[in-house]
Amino acid sequence: MDVVIRRLGESDVEEFTRIRGEALLREPHSFASSYEEFEQKIHKMKNRLKSEPDTFVLGCFAPQLAGIVGFGRATNLKSRHKGFI
């Protein structure tokens, strides 16, 4: 089985929404947000997947989307060298 890891884009919003929703339902204590909050923001998911240099989401495809991880970079001047997953 081939595994591909790549940056998610706007065309991946449907699969991203599916896997993120499943994860929130299965493991609610593993996330800072709830499934209910996610449902309210679901229409904004396309914007979340827009390609930006300091914030992005990677997806693992095997062959369908099987996992996701997000990366963000601190925005204040003294902390811009720090990133968070």
C-alpha atoms as a PDB file:
ATOM      1  CA  MET A   1       0.000   0.000   0.000  1.00  0.00           C
ATOM      2  CA  ASP A   2       1.357   3.405  -0.994  1.00  0.00           C
ATOM      3  CA  VAL A   3       1.174   6.175   1.574  1.00  0.00           C
ATOM      4  CA  VAL A   4       1.286   9.817   0.490  1.00  0.00           C
ATOM      5  CA  ILE A   5       1.673  12.768   2.849  1.00  0.00           C
ATOM      6  CA  ARG A   6       0.857  16.161   1.402  1.00  0.00           C
ATOM      7  CA  ARG A   7      -0.474  19.584   2.277  1.00  0.00           C
ATOM      8  CA  LEU A   8      -4.267  19.726   2.165  1.00  0.00           C
ATOM      9  CA  GLY A   9      -5.953  22.304  -0.015  1.00  0.00           C
ATOM     10  CA  GLU A  10      -9.418  23.648  -0.613  1.00  0.00           C
ATOM     11  CA  SER A  11     -10.292  20.628  -2.774  1.00  0.00           C
ATOM     12  CA  ASP A  12      -9.769  18.350   0.263  1.00  0.00           C
ATOM     13  CA  VAL A  13     -12.363  20.082   2.449  1.00  0.00           C
ATOM     14  CA  GLU A  14     -14.915  17.247   2.247  1.00  0.00           C
ATOM     15  CA  GLU A  15     -12.464  14.545   3.357  1.00  0.00           C
ATOM     16  CA  PHE A  16     -10.921  16.833   5.978  1.00  0.00           C
ATOM     17  CA  THR A  17     -14.350  17.609   7.425  1.00  0.00           C
ATOM     18  CA  ARG A  18     -15.204  13.898   7.551  1.00  0.00           C
ATOM     19  CA  ILE A  19     -12.053  12.793   9.353  1.00  0.00           C
ATOM     20  CA  ARG A  20     -11.972  15.758  11.746  1.00  0.00           C
ATOM     21  CA  GLY A  21     -15.614  15.186  12.705  1.00  0.00           C
ATOM     22  CA  GLU A  22     -15.014  11.459  13.269  1.00  0.00           C
ATOM     23  CA  ALA A  23     -12.019  12.198  15.491  1.00  0.00           C
ATOM     24  CA  LEU A  24     -13.959  14.717  17.583  1.00  0.00           C
ATOM     25  CA  LEU A  25     -16.755  12.202  18.126  1.00  0.00           C
ATOM     26  CA  ARG A  26     -14.486   9.230  18.901  1.00  0.00           C
ATOM     27  CA  GLU A  27     -11.931  11.002  21.107  1.00  0.00           C
ATOM     28  CA  PRO A  28     -13.542  14.189  22.449  1.00  0.00           C
ATOM     29  CA  HIS A  29     -11.037  14.539  25.309  1.00  0.00           C
ATOM     30  CA  SER A  30      -8.127  14.708  22.862  1.00  0.00           C
ATOM     31  CA  PHE A  31      -9.209  18.072  21.433  1.00  0.00           C
ATOM     32  CA  ALA A  32      -9.622  21.594  22.740  1.00  0.00           C
ATOM     33  CA  SER A  33     -12.783  22.084  20.669  1.00  0.00           C
ATOM     34  CA  SER A  34     -15.979  20.047  20.726  1.00  0.00           C
ATOM     35  CA  TYR A  35     -17.891  18.430  17.887  1.00  0.00           C
ATOM     36  CA  GLU A  36     -20.680  20.961  18.432  1.00  0.00           C
ATOM     37  CA  GLU A  37     -18.242  23.865  17.979  1.00  0.00           C
ATOM     38  CA  PHE A  38     -16.855  22.151  14.887  1.00  0.00           C
ATOM     39  CA  GLU A  39     -20.352  21.832  13.389  1.00  0.00           C
ATOM     40  CA  GLN A  40     -20.922  25.566  13.850  1.00  0.00           C
ATOM     41  CA  LYS A  41     -17.681  26.394  12.008  1.00  0.00           C
ATOM     42  CA  ILE A  42     -17.904  23.746   9.290  1.00  0.00           C
ATOM     43  CA  HIS A  43     -18.638  26.360   6.609  1.00  0.00           C
ATOM     44  CA  LYS A  44     -15.242  27.986   7.368  1.00  0.00           C
ATOM     45  CA  MET A  45     -13.212  24.817   6.776  1.00  0.00           C
ATOM     46  CA  LYS A  46     -12.328  25.748   3.198  1.00  0.00           C
ATOM     47  CA  ASN A  47     -10.555  28.869   4.481  1.00  0.00           C
ATOM     48  CA  ARG A  48      -8.661  26.776   7.023  1.00  0.00           C
ATOM     49  CA  LEU A  49      -7.187  24.690   4.223  1.00  0.00           C
ATOM     50  CA  LYS A  50      -5.990  27.637   2.142  1.00  0.00           C
ATOM     51  CA  SER A  51      -2.274  27.464   1.550  1.00  0.00           C
ATOM     52  CA  GLU A  52      -0.401  29.899   3.771  1.00  0.00           C
ATOM     53  CA  PRO A  53       3.297  29.735   4.661  1.00  0.00           C
ATOM     54  CA  ASP A  54       2.865  29.891   8.461  1.00  0.00           C
ATOM     55  CA  THR A  55      -0.265  27.773   8.888  1.00  0.00           C
ATOM     56  CA  PHE A  56      -1.169  24.562   7.106  1.00  0.00           C
ATOM     57  CA  VAL A  57      -2.690  21.091   7.462  1.00  0.00           C
ATOM     58  CA  LEU A  58      -0.980  17.920   6.230  1.00  0.00           C
ATOM     59  CA  GLY A  59      -2.904  14.812   5.301  1.00  0.00           C
ATOM     60  CA  CYS A  60      -1.845  11.172   5.146  1.00  0.00           C
ATOM     61  CA  PHE A  61      -3.496   9.324   2.253  1.00  0.00           C
ATOM     62  CA  ALA A  62      -3.501   5.516   2.155  1.00  0.00           C
ATOM     63  CA  PRO A  63      -5.247   5.765  -0.404  1.00  0.00           C
ATOM     64  CA  GLN A  64      -8.054   7.759   1.313  1.00  0.00           C
ATOM     65  CA  LEU A  65      -7.359  10.460   3.870  1.00  0.00           C
ATOM     66  CA  ALA A  66      -6.395   8.486   6.982  1.00  0.00           C
ATOM     67  CA  GLY A  67      -4.841  11.126   9.237  1.00  0.00           C
ATOM     68  CA  ILE A  68      -4.307  14.860   9.616  1.00  0.00           C
ATOM     69  CA  VAL A  69      -1.954  17.168  11.472  1.00  0.00           C
ATOM     70  CA  GLY A  70      -2.000  20.941  11.599  1.00  0.00           C
ATOM     71  CA  PHE A  71       0.932  23.334  11.963  1.00  0.00           C
ATOM     72  CA  GLY A  72       0.896  26.938  13.029  1.00  0.00           C
ATOM     73  CA  ARG A  73       3.606  29.499  13.653  1.00  0.00           C
ATOM     74  CA  ALA A  74       3.533  32.019  16.490  1.00  0.00           C
ATOM     75  CA  THR A  75       2.770  35.517  15.246  1.00  0.00           C
ATOM     76  CA  ASN A  76       4.352  37.822  17.828  1.00  0.00           C
ATOM     77  CA  LEU A  77       7.842  39.095  17.011  1.00  0.00           C
ATOM     78  CA  LYS A  78       9.758  37.434  19.846  1.00  0.00           C
ATOM     79  CA  SER A  79       8.086  34.051  19.289  1.00  0.00           C
ATOM     80  CA  ARG A  80       8.021  33.758  15.478  1.00  0.00           C
ATOM     81  CA  HIS A  81      10.751  31.128  15.671  1.00  0.00           C
ATOM     82  CA  LYS A  82       8.285  28.800  17.427  1.00  0.00           C
ATOM     83  CA  GLY A  83       5.822  26.513  15.712  1.00  0.00           C
ATOM     84  CA  PHE A  84       3.078  24.362  17.156  1.00  0.00           C
ATOM     85  CA  ILE A  85       1.286  21.226  16.042  1.00  0.00           C
END
